[in-house]
Protein backbone atom coordinates (compact mmCIF):
# COMPACT_ATOMS: atom_id res chain seq x y z
CA MET A 1 -12.36 -63.21 10.94
CA THR A 2 -12.61 -59.71 10.61
CA THR A 3 -15.37 -56.80 10.45
CA LEU A 4 -16.61 -55.17 7.36
CA ALA A 5 -14.54 -51.74 8.09
CA LEU A 6 -11.56 -53.79 8.79
CA ALA A 7 -11.73 -55.98 5.68
CA ARG A 8 -12.15 -52.82 3.48
CA GLU A 9 -9.36 -51.60 5.04
CA ARG A 10 -7.19 -54.21 4.49
CA LEU A 11 -7.85 -54.72 1.11
CA ALA A 12 -7.00 -50.81 0.20
CA THR A 13 -3.49 -51.13 2.21
CA THR A 14 -2.60 -54.59 0.62
CA LEU A 15 -3.19 -53.22 -2.83
CA ASN A 16 -1.36 -49.80 -1.75
CA GLU A 17 1.87 -51.77 -0.87
CA ALA A 18 1.78 -54.56 -3.43
CA LEU A 19 1.09 -52.38 -6.41
CA PRO A 20 4.23 -50.63 -8.08
CA GLY A 21 3.99 -46.87 -8.58
CA ASP A 22 2.15 -43.72 -6.69
CA LEU A 23 -1.21 -45.67 -5.38
CA ASN A 24 -4.06 -44.27 -3.40
CA VAL A 25 -6.72 -46.79 -2.86
CA ARG A 26 -9.33 -45.71 -0.31
CA PRO A 27 -11.15 -48.12 1.96
CA ARG A 28 -14.41 -45.77 1.14
CA GLY A 29 -15.59 -43.07 -0.89
CA VAL A 30 -15.57 -42.64 -4.62
CA VAL A 31 -12.75 -40.17 -6.15
CA LYS A 32 -14.60 -37.47 -8.20
CA THR A 33 -11.48 -36.71 -10.08
CA PRO A 34 -9.45 -39.70 -10.53
CA ARG A 35 -6.16 -40.31 -12.06
CA GLN A 36 -3.95 -43.15 -12.55
CA GLY A 37 -3.30 -44.57 -9.40
CA ASP A 38 -6.40 -43.68 -7.77
CA GLY A 39 -8.85 -46.19 -6.21
CA TRP A 40 -11.42 -47.24 -3.52
CA VAL A 41 -13.31 -50.28 -2.29
CA MET A 42 -16.93 -50.77 -2.38
CA VAL A 43 -18.97 -53.18 -0.74
CA SER A 44 -20.66 -55.04 -3.51
CA GLN A 45 -22.97 -57.56 -1.63
CA ILE A 46 -23.62 -58.88 2.01
CA THR A 47 -25.04 -62.49 2.61
CA PRO A 48 -25.96 -63.79 5.89
CA GLU A 49 -23.95 -66.74 6.73
CA ASP A 50 -25.69 -67.72 9.96
CA PHE A 51 -26.36 -65.71 13.10
CA THR A 52 -22.76 -64.18 13.71
CA ARG A 53 -21.17 -63.93 10.17
CA CYS A 54 -21.97 -62.50 7.23
CA ARG A 55 -20.61 -63.22 3.42
CA VAL A 56 -19.52 -60.01 1.96
CA VAL A 57 -18.11 -59.07 -1.93
CA LEU A 58 -15.81 -56.27 -1.87
CA THR A 59 -14.93 -54.26 -5.13
CA ALA A 60 -12.00 -52.62 -5.02
CA ILE A 61 -11.59 -50.09 -8.31
CA VAL A 62 -8.14 -49.04 -9.50
CA VAL A 63 -7.76 -46.62 -12.17
CA LEU A 64 -5.17 -46.98 -14.96
CA GLY A 65 -5.35 -43.84 -16.61
CA SER A 66 -6.68 -42.64 -20.18
CA ASP A 67 -4.06 -43.56 -22.51
CA SER A 68 -5.29 -47.36 -23.50
CA ASP A 69 -1.94 -48.47 -24.15
CA LEU A 70 -0.46 -47.42 -20.79
CA ALA A 71 -3.12 -49.06 -19.21
CA ASP A 72 -2.48 -52.18 -21.02
CA GLN A 73 0.91 -52.07 -20.07
CA LEU A 74 -0.45 -51.49 -16.04
CA LEU A 75 -2.88 -54.08 -16.24
CA ASP A 76 -0.08 -56.59 -17.44
CA THR A 77 2.06 -55.53 -14.68
CA TRP A 78 -0.68 -55.04 -11.86
CA THR A 79 -2.84 -58.32 -12.23
CA VAL A 80 -0.74 -61.04 -10.47
CA PRO A 81 0.71 -58.44 -7.76
CA ALA A 82 -3.45 -57.38 -7.19
CA PHE A 83 -4.39 -60.86 -7.29
CA GLN A 84 -1.70 -61.91 -4.39
CA ALA A 85 -2.54 -58.82 -2.33
CA ALA A 86 -6.03 -59.44 -2.61
CA LEU A 87 -5.43 -63.34 -1.30
CA GLN A 88 -2.97 -62.14 1.49
CA SER A 89 -5.39 -59.45 2.90
CA MET A 90 -7.69 -61.93 4.28
CA PRO A 91 -8.95 -65.41 3.77
CA THR A 92 -11.15 -65.33 0.47
CA ALA A 93 -13.23 -67.61 -0.98
CA GLU A 94 -13.33 -66.04 -4.86
CA VAL A 95 -11.06 -63.53 -6.35
CA VAL A 96 -11.93 -61.96 -9.81
CA LEU A 97 -10.30 -59.22 -11.72
CA GLU A 98 -11.91 -57.15 -14.43
CA PRO A 99 -10.80 -54.49 -16.86
CA VAL A 100 -13.47 -51.99 -16.92
CA SER A 101 -14.03 -48.50 -18.70
CA LEU A 102 -15.07 -45.76 -15.95
CA LEU A 103 -17.28 -42.52 -16.99
CA VAL A 104 -15.82 -39.31 -15.72
CA GLU A 105 -16.50 -35.69 -16.58
CA THR A 106 -13.62 -35.36 -18.67
CA GLY A 107 -14.71 -38.52 -20.81
CA SER A 108 -13.56 -42.05 -19.84
CA MET A 109 -10.78 -43.66 -18.27
CA TYR A 110 -9.23 -47.55 -18.13
CA ALA A 111 -9.52 -49.19 -14.88
CA PHE A 112 -9.63 -52.66 -13.46
CA THR A 113 -12.01 -54.03 -10.45
CA ILE A 114 -11.01 -56.65 -8.25
CA LYS A 115 -13.68 -58.46 -6.50
CA ILE A 116 -13.35 -60.71 -3.33
CA SER A 117 -15.62 -62.65 -1.56
CA THR A 118 -14.85 -63.39 2.22
CA GLU A 119 -16.49 -63.48 5.77
CA VAL A 120 -17.21 -61.02 8.00
CA GLU A 121 -18.44 -60.55 11.61
CA PRO A 122 -20.44 -57.73 13.14
CA SER A 123 -18.07 -54.93 14.43
C-alpha cells in the first residue's frame, strides 16, 4: 500500500518511462501552455474504505498535440504502453483510458486521460 503523494509520483514516473518520445508527465500541477508529451496527475476522487485506507481515483492527462492525424497515431501507439504502465505502477482496481480535447489559450489540443482506482493510506 502507498500514500496519495507516492501514488501520484509512481503514476507519473511509470508513464514517463513507458511511453516513447519526450514525455514530461508531472505528479502535480496543470501545465499552463502544454505541448505534445506534457502531462500531469490529478486526484479525481477520494472515498474512505475503512479507518486506515482510502480508495482514490487518479487521472493522468497526457497531451497528444494539436494535429489530429498525429494525435490519432500517438493514441494508437501509446494506448497499450499507458495501460501497462498504469497497471505496473501500483495495485489497481480499475483502469480507463479516454481520448479528450483540451481547451488551451491558443485553441484546443488532443490528449488522453488514464484513470486508475487504487487504495492509499495516510502519509
